N, C-alpha and C. Protein backbone atom coordinates (compact mmCIF):
# COMPACT_ATOMS: atom_id res chain seq x y z
N MET A 1 -10.79 -5.46 42.81
CA MET A 1 -9.40 -5.87 42.87
C MET A 1 -8.95 -6.34 41.49
N VAL A 2 -7.84 -5.81 41.03
CA VAL A 2 -7.30 -6.17 39.73
C VAL A 2 -6.18 -7.18 39.93
N ILE A 3 -6.29 -8.29 39.22
CA ILE A 3 -5.26 -9.30 39.30
C ILE A 3 -4.41 -9.18 38.05
N GLU A 4 -3.11 -8.99 38.24
CA GLU A 4 -2.18 -8.86 37.12
C GLU A 4 -2.05 -10.20 36.41
N ALA A 5 -2.27 -10.20 35.11
CA ALA A 5 -2.16 -11.43 34.33
C ALA A 5 -0.69 -11.79 34.16
N GLY A 6 -0.41 -13.06 34.18
CA GLY A 6 0.94 -13.56 33.98
C GLY A 6 1.30 -13.54 32.51
N PRO A 7 2.57 -13.87 32.19
CA PRO A 7 3.02 -13.82 30.79
C PRO A 7 2.21 -14.73 29.87
N ARG A 8 1.83 -15.89 30.35
CA ARG A 8 1.07 -16.82 29.51
C ARG A 8 -0.31 -16.24 29.18
N GLU A 9 -0.99 -15.64 30.17
CA GLU A 9 -2.30 -15.05 29.93
C GLU A 9 -2.21 -13.85 28.99
N ARG A 10 -1.16 -13.03 29.16
CA ARG A 10 -0.99 -11.88 28.27
C ARG A 10 -0.75 -12.35 26.84
N ARG A 11 -0.01 -13.45 26.68
CA ARG A 11 0.25 -13.98 25.35
C ARG A 11 -1.06 -14.38 24.68
N TRP A 12 -1.95 -15.04 25.44
CA TRP A 12 -3.23 -15.45 24.87
C TRP A 12 -4.12 -14.25 24.59
N GLU A 13 -4.04 -13.23 25.43
CA GLU A 13 -4.83 -12.01 25.19
C GLU A 13 -4.36 -11.34 23.89
N PHE A 14 -3.04 -11.26 23.70
CA PHE A 14 -2.54 -10.62 22.48
C PHE A 14 -2.88 -11.46 21.26
N ARG A 15 -2.86 -12.77 21.39
CA ARG A 15 -3.23 -13.64 20.27
C ARG A 15 -4.67 -13.36 19.84
N ALA A 16 -5.57 -13.20 20.81
CA ALA A 16 -6.96 -12.87 20.49
C ALA A 16 -7.04 -11.50 19.82
N PHE A 17 -6.25 -10.55 20.32
CA PHE A 17 -6.19 -9.22 19.73
C PHE A 17 -5.70 -9.32 18.28
N PHE A 18 -4.64 -10.11 18.06
CA PHE A 18 -4.08 -10.32 16.73
C PHE A 18 -5.13 -10.91 15.79
N GLU A 19 -5.79 -11.95 16.22
CA GLU A 19 -6.78 -12.62 15.36
C GLU A 19 -7.96 -11.69 15.06
N ALA A 20 -8.32 -10.85 16.01
CA ALA A 20 -9.45 -9.94 15.80
C ALA A 20 -9.09 -8.81 14.83
N TYR A 21 -7.85 -8.30 14.91
CA TYR A 21 -7.49 -7.11 14.14
C TYR A 21 -6.67 -7.39 12.88
N ARG A 22 -6.23 -8.62 12.68
CA ARG A 22 -5.42 -8.94 11.49
C ARG A 22 -6.16 -8.61 10.19
N PRO A 23 -7.44 -8.99 10.04
CA PRO A 23 -8.13 -8.63 8.78
C PRO A 23 -8.19 -7.12 8.56
N LEU A 24 -8.42 -6.35 9.62
CA LEU A 24 -8.45 -4.90 9.50
C LEU A 24 -7.09 -4.38 9.04
N VAL A 25 -6.03 -4.89 9.64
CA VAL A 25 -4.68 -4.44 9.31
C VAL A 25 -4.36 -4.77 7.85
N LEU A 26 -4.64 -5.99 7.41
CA LEU A 26 -4.34 -6.37 6.03
C LEU A 26 -5.14 -5.54 5.03
N THR A 27 -6.40 -5.29 5.32
CA THR A 27 -7.23 -4.46 4.44
C THR A 27 -6.68 -3.05 4.36
N ARG A 28 -6.31 -2.52 5.51
CA ARG A 28 -5.79 -1.15 5.56
C ARG A 28 -4.47 -1.05 4.77
N LEU A 29 -3.60 -2.04 4.92
CA LEU A 29 -2.33 -2.02 4.20
C LEU A 29 -2.56 -2.10 2.70
N ARG A 30 -3.52 -2.95 2.29
CA ARG A 30 -3.84 -3.06 0.87
C ARG A 30 -4.35 -1.73 0.33
N LYS A 31 -5.20 -1.07 1.09
CA LYS A 31 -5.76 0.21 0.64
C LYS A 31 -4.71 1.31 0.61
N ARG A 32 -3.67 1.15 1.38
CA ARG A 32 -2.60 2.15 1.41
C ARG A 32 -1.53 1.88 0.36
N GLY A 33 -1.73 0.82 -0.45
CA GLY A 33 -0.84 0.59 -1.57
C GLY A 33 0.32 -0.34 -1.31
N VAL A 34 0.31 -1.06 -0.19
CA VAL A 34 1.37 -2.03 0.06
C VAL A 34 1.14 -3.22 -0.87
N PRO A 35 2.16 -3.60 -1.65
CA PRO A 35 1.99 -4.73 -2.58
C PRO A 35 1.61 -6.01 -1.84
N LYS A 36 0.79 -6.84 -2.49
CA LYS A 36 0.30 -8.07 -1.88
C LYS A 36 1.43 -8.94 -1.36
N ALA A 37 2.53 -9.01 -2.10
CA ALA A 37 3.66 -9.86 -1.70
C ALA A 37 4.29 -9.39 -0.39
N ASP A 38 4.10 -8.13 -0.03
CA ASP A 38 4.72 -7.58 1.17
C ASP A 38 3.74 -7.36 2.32
N GLN A 39 2.45 -7.59 2.09
CA GLN A 39 1.46 -7.27 3.11
C GLN A 39 1.65 -8.05 4.40
N ASN A 40 1.97 -9.34 4.32
CA ASN A 40 2.14 -10.11 5.55
C ASN A 40 3.34 -9.62 6.36
N ASP A 41 4.43 -9.25 5.68
CA ASP A 41 5.59 -8.74 6.39
C ASP A 41 5.29 -7.41 7.08
N VAL A 42 4.62 -6.51 6.37
CA VAL A 42 4.27 -5.22 6.97
C VAL A 42 3.25 -5.42 8.08
N CYS A 43 2.33 -6.37 7.90
CA CYS A 43 1.35 -6.69 8.94
C CYS A 43 2.08 -7.14 10.21
N GLN A 44 3.09 -7.96 10.05
CA GLN A 44 3.86 -8.41 11.21
C GLN A 44 4.53 -7.22 11.88
N ASP A 45 5.09 -6.31 11.09
CA ASP A 45 5.71 -5.11 11.66
C ASP A 45 4.69 -4.29 12.44
N VAL A 46 3.48 -4.18 11.90
CA VAL A 46 2.42 -3.43 12.59
C VAL A 46 2.13 -4.05 13.95
N PHE A 47 2.03 -5.38 13.99
CA PHE A 47 1.71 -6.03 15.26
C PHE A 47 2.87 -6.00 16.25
N VAL A 48 4.08 -5.90 15.76
CA VAL A 48 5.22 -5.71 16.67
C VAL A 48 5.07 -4.35 17.35
N VAL A 49 4.75 -3.32 16.56
CA VAL A 49 4.54 -1.98 17.12
C VAL A 49 3.35 -2.00 18.09
N LEU A 50 2.25 -2.64 17.68
CA LEU A 50 1.07 -2.71 18.54
C LEU A 50 1.39 -3.43 19.85
N HIS A 51 2.15 -4.49 19.79
CA HIS A 51 2.51 -5.24 21.01
C HIS A 51 3.30 -4.36 21.96
N ARG A 52 4.22 -3.57 21.40
CA ARG A 52 5.02 -2.67 22.23
C ARG A 52 4.18 -1.55 22.84
N ARG A 53 3.21 -1.05 22.08
CA ARG A 53 2.48 0.14 22.51
C ARG A 53 1.12 -0.14 23.15
N LEU A 54 0.65 -1.36 23.09
CA LEU A 54 -0.70 -1.67 23.57
C LEU A 54 -0.87 -1.34 25.05
N ALA A 55 0.13 -1.58 25.85
CA ALA A 55 0.03 -1.28 27.28
C ALA A 55 -0.16 0.22 27.53
N GLY A 56 0.35 1.05 26.62
CA GLY A 56 0.23 2.50 26.77
C GLY A 56 -0.99 3.09 26.09
N TYR A 57 -1.84 2.25 25.50
CA TYR A 57 -3.05 2.75 24.84
C TYR A 57 -3.97 3.36 25.90
N ASP A 58 -4.31 4.64 25.70
CA ASP A 58 -5.08 5.36 26.72
C ASP A 58 -6.56 5.49 26.41
N GLY A 59 -7.00 5.04 25.26
CA GLY A 59 -8.42 5.10 24.92
C GLY A 59 -8.88 6.46 24.43
N ALA A 60 -7.96 7.39 24.16
CA ALA A 60 -8.35 8.72 23.69
C ALA A 60 -9.05 8.65 22.33
N VAL A 61 -8.66 7.68 21.52
CA VAL A 61 -9.33 7.42 20.25
C VAL A 61 -9.81 5.97 20.27
N PRO A 62 -10.82 5.64 19.48
CA PRO A 62 -11.28 4.24 19.45
C PRO A 62 -10.13 3.32 19.02
N LEU A 63 -10.12 2.12 19.57
CA LEU A 63 -9.05 1.17 19.30
C LEU A 63 -8.87 0.89 17.81
N PRO A 64 -9.94 0.67 17.02
CA PRO A 64 -9.73 0.44 15.58
C PRO A 64 -9.05 1.62 14.89
N THR A 65 -9.40 2.83 15.28
CA THR A 65 -8.77 4.02 14.70
C THR A 65 -7.30 4.09 15.06
N TRP A 66 -6.98 3.75 16.31
CA TRP A 66 -5.60 3.74 16.77
C TRP A 66 -4.79 2.72 15.96
N VAL A 67 -5.36 1.54 15.75
CA VAL A 67 -4.70 0.49 14.97
C VAL A 67 -4.51 0.96 13.52
N GLU A 68 -5.54 1.59 12.93
CA GLU A 68 -5.45 2.08 11.56
C GLU A 68 -4.37 3.15 11.42
N ASN A 69 -4.24 4.02 12.42
CA ASN A 69 -3.20 5.05 12.37
C ASN A 69 -1.81 4.42 12.36
N ILE A 70 -1.62 3.39 13.16
CA ILE A 70 -0.33 2.70 13.17
C ILE A 70 -0.10 2.01 11.83
N CYS A 71 -1.16 1.42 11.25
CA CYS A 71 -1.05 0.81 9.91
C CYS A 71 -0.63 1.84 8.88
N ASP A 72 -1.27 3.00 8.93
CA ASP A 72 -0.96 4.05 7.95
C ASP A 72 0.50 4.46 8.03
N ARG A 73 1.00 4.65 9.26
CA ARG A 73 2.40 5.05 9.42
C ARG A 73 3.35 3.94 8.95
N SER A 74 3.01 2.70 9.26
CA SER A 74 3.85 1.57 8.84
C SER A 74 3.85 1.44 7.32
N ALA A 75 2.69 1.59 6.70
CA ALA A 75 2.60 1.50 5.24
C ALA A 75 3.40 2.62 4.59
N LYS A 76 3.26 3.81 5.12
CA LYS A 76 3.99 4.96 4.56
C LYS A 76 5.50 4.74 4.68
N ARG A 77 5.94 4.25 5.84
CA ARG A 77 7.36 3.97 6.04
C ARG A 77 7.84 2.88 5.07
N PHE A 78 7.05 1.83 4.91
CA PHE A 78 7.42 0.75 3.99
C PHE A 78 7.51 1.26 2.56
N LEU A 79 6.52 2.01 2.12
CA LEU A 79 6.50 2.51 0.73
C LEU A 79 7.66 3.47 0.48
N ARG A 80 7.99 4.28 1.47
CA ARG A 80 9.12 5.20 1.32
C ARG A 80 10.42 4.41 1.16
N ARG A 81 10.61 3.37 1.99
CA ARG A 81 11.81 2.54 1.88
C ARG A 81 11.84 1.78 0.55
N ALA A 82 10.70 1.29 0.11
CA ALA A 82 10.64 0.57 -1.17
C ALA A 82 11.01 1.49 -2.32
N GLU A 83 10.56 2.72 -2.26
CA GLU A 83 10.90 3.70 -3.31
C GLU A 83 12.40 3.96 -3.32
N LEU A 84 13.01 4.08 -2.15
CA LEU A 84 14.46 4.28 -2.09
C LEU A 84 15.20 3.08 -2.66
N ARG A 85 14.74 1.86 -2.34
CA ARG A 85 15.37 0.66 -2.89
C ARG A 85 15.21 0.61 -4.41
N ARG A 86 14.04 0.99 -4.90
CA ARG A 86 13.80 0.99 -6.34
C ARG A 86 14.71 1.98 -7.04
N ARG A 87 14.88 3.15 -6.45
CA ARG A 87 15.76 4.16 -7.05
C ARG A 87 17.21 3.67 -7.09
N ARG A 88 17.64 3.07 -5.99
CA ARG A 88 19.02 2.56 -5.95
C ARG A 88 19.20 1.45 -6.98
N ALA A 89 18.23 0.57 -7.07
CA ALA A 89 18.33 -0.56 -8.01
C ALA A 89 18.34 -0.08 -9.46
N SER A 90 17.61 0.99 -9.75
CA SER A 90 17.54 1.47 -11.12
C SER A 90 18.85 2.10 -11.57
N THR A 91 19.70 2.49 -10.63
CA THR A 91 20.98 3.09 -11.00
C THR A 91 22.10 2.06 -11.09
N MET A 92 21.83 0.84 -10.66
CA MET A 92 22.85 -0.21 -10.70
C MET A 92 22.88 -0.86 -12.08
N PRO A 93 24.07 -1.17 -12.60
CA PRO A 93 24.13 -1.84 -13.90
C PRO A 93 23.63 -3.27 -13.80
N VAL A 94 23.00 -3.74 -14.87
CA VAL A 94 22.46 -5.10 -14.92
C VAL A 94 23.53 -6.02 -15.51
N PRO A 95 23.90 -7.09 -14.79
CA PRO A 95 24.90 -8.02 -15.33
C PRO A 95 24.42 -8.62 -16.66
N ALA A 96 25.36 -8.89 -17.54
CA ALA A 96 25.03 -9.42 -18.87
C ALA A 96 24.30 -10.75 -18.77
N SER A 97 24.61 -11.56 -17.78
CA SER A 97 23.95 -12.86 -17.65
C SER A 97 22.47 -12.72 -17.35
N PHE A 98 22.05 -11.58 -16.81
CA PHE A 98 20.64 -11.35 -16.50
C PHE A 98 19.87 -10.81 -17.70
N ARG A 99 20.57 -10.32 -18.70
CA ARG A 99 19.91 -9.68 -19.83
C ARG A 99 19.28 -10.68 -20.79
N ALA A 100 19.93 -11.83 -20.96
CA ALA A 100 19.42 -12.83 -21.88
C ALA A 100 18.28 -13.60 -21.22
N VAL A 101 17.14 -13.69 -21.92
CA VAL A 101 15.96 -14.37 -21.39
C VAL A 101 15.60 -15.51 -22.33
N PRO A 102 15.50 -16.73 -21.81
CA PRO A 102 15.09 -17.84 -22.67
C PRO A 102 13.71 -17.61 -23.27
N ALA A 103 13.47 -18.15 -24.46
CA ALA A 103 12.21 -17.94 -25.18
C ALA A 103 11.01 -18.43 -24.40
N ASN A 104 11.14 -19.47 -23.60
CA ASN A 104 9.98 -20.00 -22.87
C ASN A 104 9.56 -19.10 -21.72
N GLN A 105 10.33 -18.07 -21.45
CA GLN A 105 9.97 -17.15 -20.36
C GLN A 105 9.40 -15.84 -20.88
N ASP A 106 9.09 -15.78 -22.16
CA ASP A 106 8.56 -14.54 -22.73
C ASP A 106 7.29 -14.07 -22.02
N ARG A 107 6.39 -15.00 -21.74
CA ARG A 107 5.13 -14.64 -21.08
C ARG A 107 5.39 -14.08 -19.68
N VAL A 108 6.30 -14.69 -18.96
CA VAL A 108 6.64 -14.22 -17.62
C VAL A 108 7.23 -12.82 -17.69
N VAL A 109 8.12 -12.62 -18.65
CA VAL A 109 8.75 -11.31 -18.82
C VAL A 109 7.70 -10.27 -19.22
N ASP A 110 6.81 -10.61 -20.13
CA ASP A 110 5.75 -9.68 -20.55
C ASP A 110 4.86 -9.31 -19.37
N THR A 111 4.50 -10.30 -18.58
CA THR A 111 3.66 -10.04 -17.40
C THR A 111 4.39 -9.14 -16.41
N ARG A 112 5.66 -9.44 -16.18
CA ARG A 112 6.45 -8.63 -15.25
C ARG A 112 6.54 -7.19 -15.74
N ARG A 113 6.78 -7.03 -17.04
CA ARG A 113 6.87 -5.67 -17.60
C ARG A 113 5.54 -4.93 -17.47
N ALA A 114 4.45 -5.64 -17.71
CA ALA A 114 3.13 -5.01 -17.58
C ALA A 114 2.89 -4.57 -16.13
N CYS A 115 3.27 -5.41 -15.20
CA CYS A 115 3.11 -5.06 -13.78
C CYS A 115 3.98 -3.87 -13.41
N GLU A 116 5.22 -3.87 -13.91
CA GLU A 116 6.11 -2.74 -13.64
C GLU A 116 5.55 -1.46 -14.24
N ARG A 117 4.97 -1.56 -15.44
CA ARG A 117 4.39 -0.39 -16.10
C ARG A 117 3.19 0.13 -15.31
N ALA A 118 2.36 -0.81 -14.82
CA ALA A 118 1.20 -0.41 -14.02
C ALA A 118 1.65 0.27 -12.74
N GLU A 119 2.69 -0.27 -12.09
CA GLU A 119 3.21 0.37 -10.88
C GLU A 119 3.77 1.75 -11.19
N ALA A 120 4.46 1.87 -12.32
CA ALA A 120 5.01 3.17 -12.71
C ALA A 120 3.90 4.18 -12.97
N LEU A 121 2.81 3.72 -13.60
CA LEU A 121 1.67 4.61 -13.83
C LEU A 121 1.09 5.09 -12.51
N LEU A 122 0.94 4.17 -11.55
CA LEU A 122 0.40 4.56 -10.25
C LEU A 122 1.36 5.51 -9.52
N GLU A 123 2.66 5.28 -9.69
CA GLU A 123 3.64 6.16 -9.04
C GLU A 123 3.67 7.54 -9.67
N SER A 124 3.18 7.68 -10.90
CA SER A 124 3.17 8.98 -11.54
C SER A 124 2.08 9.90 -10.95
N LEU A 125 1.20 9.32 -10.15
CA LEU A 125 0.14 10.09 -9.51
C LEU A 125 0.59 10.56 -8.14
N ASP A 126 0.10 11.74 -7.73
CA ASP A 126 0.38 12.14 -6.36
C ASP A 126 -0.47 11.28 -5.41
N GLU A 127 -0.17 11.34 -4.13
CA GLU A 127 -0.76 10.41 -3.17
C GLU A 127 -2.29 10.47 -3.13
N GLU A 128 -2.87 11.67 -3.16
CA GLU A 128 -4.33 11.79 -3.07
C GLU A 128 -5.02 11.17 -4.28
N LYS A 129 -4.49 11.46 -5.47
CA LYS A 129 -5.09 10.90 -6.69
C LYS A 129 -4.89 9.38 -6.73
N ARG A 130 -3.71 8.92 -6.31
CA ARG A 130 -3.44 7.48 -6.33
C ARG A 130 -4.38 6.74 -5.39
N LYS A 131 -4.61 7.28 -4.20
CA LYS A 131 -5.50 6.62 -3.25
C LYS A 131 -6.91 6.50 -3.82
N VAL A 132 -7.43 7.58 -4.39
CA VAL A 132 -8.78 7.55 -4.97
C VAL A 132 -8.82 6.55 -6.12
N PHE A 133 -7.82 6.60 -7.00
CA PHE A 133 -7.80 5.71 -8.16
C PHE A 133 -7.74 4.25 -7.73
N VAL A 134 -6.87 3.93 -6.79
CA VAL A 134 -6.73 2.53 -6.34
C VAL A 134 -8.01 2.04 -5.68
N LEU A 135 -8.56 2.85 -4.77
CA LEU A 135 -9.77 2.42 -4.07
C LEU A 135 -10.96 2.26 -5.02
N TYR A 136 -11.10 3.19 -5.98
CA TYR A 136 -12.25 3.17 -6.87
C TYR A 136 -12.06 2.17 -8.01
N GLU A 137 -10.96 2.30 -8.74
CA GLU A 137 -10.76 1.49 -9.94
C GLU A 137 -10.26 0.08 -9.65
N LEU A 138 -9.35 -0.07 -8.70
CA LEU A 138 -8.74 -1.37 -8.46
C LEU A 138 -9.45 -2.15 -7.36
N GLU A 139 -9.83 -1.46 -6.28
CA GLU A 139 -10.52 -2.14 -5.18
C GLU A 139 -12.02 -2.29 -5.44
N GLY A 140 -12.54 -1.47 -6.36
CA GLY A 140 -13.95 -1.57 -6.73
C GLY A 140 -14.91 -0.96 -5.71
N LEU A 141 -14.41 -0.05 -4.88
CA LEU A 141 -15.29 0.60 -3.91
C LEU A 141 -16.15 1.64 -4.62
N HIS A 142 -17.33 1.89 -4.08
CA HIS A 142 -18.19 2.96 -4.59
C HIS A 142 -17.57 4.28 -4.13
N MET A 143 -17.80 5.34 -4.88
CA MET A 143 -17.19 6.63 -4.55
C MET A 143 -17.58 7.11 -3.15
N TYR A 144 -18.80 6.78 -2.70
CA TYR A 144 -19.19 7.16 -1.35
C TYR A 144 -18.29 6.50 -0.32
N GLU A 145 -17.91 5.24 -0.56
CA GLU A 145 -17.00 4.53 0.35
C GLU A 145 -15.59 5.11 0.27
N VAL A 146 -15.17 5.48 -0.93
CA VAL A 146 -13.84 6.05 -1.12
C VAL A 146 -13.70 7.35 -0.33
N VAL A 147 -14.65 8.25 -0.50
CA VAL A 147 -14.54 9.54 0.18
C VAL A 147 -14.71 9.39 1.68
N ASP A 148 -15.50 8.41 2.11
CA ASP A 148 -15.63 8.15 3.54
C ASP A 148 -14.29 7.67 4.10
N GLU A 149 -13.63 6.78 3.37
CA GLU A 149 -12.33 6.24 3.77
C GLU A 149 -11.27 7.34 3.84
N LEU A 150 -11.29 8.25 2.86
CA LEU A 150 -10.26 9.28 2.77
C LEU A 150 -10.62 10.56 3.51
N GLY A 151 -11.89 10.69 3.88
CA GLY A 151 -12.31 11.88 4.62
C GLY A 151 -12.31 13.14 3.79
N CYS A 152 -12.76 13.04 2.55
CA CYS A 152 -12.83 14.22 1.70
C CYS A 152 -14.25 14.33 1.13
N PRO A 153 -14.63 15.52 0.62
CA PRO A 153 -15.96 15.68 0.03
C PRO A 153 -16.12 14.84 -1.24
N LEU A 154 -17.35 14.50 -1.57
CA LEU A 154 -17.66 13.66 -2.72
C LEU A 154 -17.12 14.27 -4.02
N GLN A 155 -17.34 15.54 -4.23
CA GLN A 155 -16.88 16.18 -5.46
C GLN A 155 -15.36 16.19 -5.55
N THR A 156 -14.69 16.31 -4.41
CA THR A 156 -13.22 16.25 -4.40
C THR A 156 -12.76 14.86 -4.84
N GLY A 157 -13.45 13.83 -4.37
CA GLY A 157 -13.12 12.46 -4.77
C GLY A 157 -13.27 12.28 -6.27
N TYR A 158 -14.39 12.74 -6.82
CA TYR A 158 -14.59 12.63 -8.26
C TYR A 158 -13.56 13.46 -9.04
N SER A 159 -13.22 14.62 -8.53
CA SER A 159 -12.24 15.47 -9.18
C SER A 159 -10.87 14.79 -9.20
N ARG A 160 -10.48 14.19 -8.08
CA ARG A 160 -9.19 13.49 -8.02
C ARG A 160 -9.19 12.27 -8.95
N LEU A 161 -10.30 11.56 -9.02
CA LEU A 161 -10.39 10.40 -9.91
C LEU A 161 -10.27 10.84 -11.37
N ARG A 162 -10.96 11.90 -11.73
CA ARG A 162 -10.91 12.41 -13.09
C ARG A 162 -9.48 12.85 -13.44
N ALA A 163 -8.82 13.54 -12.52
CA ALA A 163 -7.44 13.99 -12.76
C ALA A 163 -6.50 12.79 -12.88
N ALA A 164 -6.68 11.77 -12.04
CA ALA A 164 -5.84 10.57 -12.10
C ALA A 164 -6.01 9.86 -13.43
N ARG A 165 -7.25 9.72 -13.88
CA ARG A 165 -7.51 9.07 -15.17
C ARG A 165 -6.85 9.85 -16.31
N LYS A 166 -6.92 11.16 -16.23
CA LYS A 166 -6.34 12.01 -17.27
C LYS A 166 -4.82 11.82 -17.32
N ILE A 167 -4.18 11.78 -16.16
CA ILE A 167 -2.72 11.60 -16.11
C ILE A 167 -2.34 10.23 -16.66
N ILE A 168 -3.08 9.20 -16.26
CA ILE A 168 -2.78 7.84 -16.71
C ILE A 168 -2.98 7.72 -18.21
N ARG A 169 -4.08 8.30 -18.74
CA ARG A 169 -4.29 8.28 -20.19
C ARG A 169 -3.14 8.95 -20.92
N ALA A 170 -2.71 10.12 -20.41
CA ALA A 170 -1.62 10.85 -21.05
C ALA A 170 -0.32 10.04 -21.02
N GLU A 171 -0.04 9.39 -19.88
CA GLU A 171 1.17 8.56 -19.77
C GLU A 171 1.11 7.38 -20.74
N LEU A 172 -0.06 6.75 -20.84
CA LEU A 172 -0.20 5.62 -21.77
C LEU A 172 -0.03 6.07 -23.21
N LEU A 173 -0.64 7.19 -23.57
CA LEU A 173 -0.51 7.72 -24.92
C LEU A 173 0.94 8.08 -25.22
N ARG A 174 1.59 8.71 -24.26
CA ARG A 174 2.99 9.10 -24.43
C ARG A 174 3.87 7.87 -24.64
N SER A 175 3.62 6.81 -23.89
CA SER A 175 4.43 5.60 -24.03
C SER A 175 4.16 4.90 -25.36
N ARG A 176 2.92 4.95 -25.85
CA ARG A 176 2.61 4.34 -27.15
C ARG A 176 3.26 5.08 -28.29
N LEU A 177 3.36 6.40 -28.15
CA LEU A 177 3.95 7.21 -29.20
C LEU A 177 5.47 7.26 -29.07
N GLY A 178 6.00 6.73 -27.97
CA GLY A 178 7.45 6.70 -27.79
C GLY A 178 8.04 8.04 -27.43
N ARG A 179 7.23 8.92 -26.90
CA ARG A 179 7.72 10.24 -26.52
C ARG A 179 8.23 10.20 -25.07
N PRO A 180 9.33 10.86 -24.82
CA PRO A 180 9.80 10.94 -23.43
C PRO A 180 8.90 11.85 -22.62
N LYS A 181 8.88 11.61 -21.35
CA LYS A 181 8.08 12.43 -20.42
C LYS A 181 8.69 13.81 -20.36
N SER A 182 7.87 14.85 -20.56
CA SER A 182 8.38 16.21 -20.49
C SER A 182 8.51 16.62 -19.03
N GLY A 183 9.60 17.30 -18.73
CA GLY A 183 9.97 17.51 -17.39
C GLY A 183 9.58 18.60 -16.61
């Protein structure tokens, strides 16, 4: 005999589910390129989707895989929207009051510019190369872990990493020489 849980019991069950899967969700979002400042917000969005869909989970795939798939879609949606916001913002004129920076903020401005440049370098890579580069170079995973995560052959992982490094080197050299990106 199955006894239907009341709202209070379901709330506690979901809380346990949340606490168990939150680390997995945050790790997955980080690996998918969601900026650290936005990971908690996207994590919350993931759990809203999971809360809505959990009753319909049929067990066709393992629960962690199902959760990861929802994370992947949420991360992709977030990154697509962030890119659209970035494009819109780059076309807007900057008010004159924002252009002047006090001397004591030089370090903050330099750090911000370096971060923006690093993000631009990562955005210059296609998705496959960026994933390999981020997981290997920034996350510090071994290549065996990277290819296991991405589901590609080992040599493909190394090939994508080599291509990503080549693109980043070329972009850095181009920016040092002051040459515009050829189109």
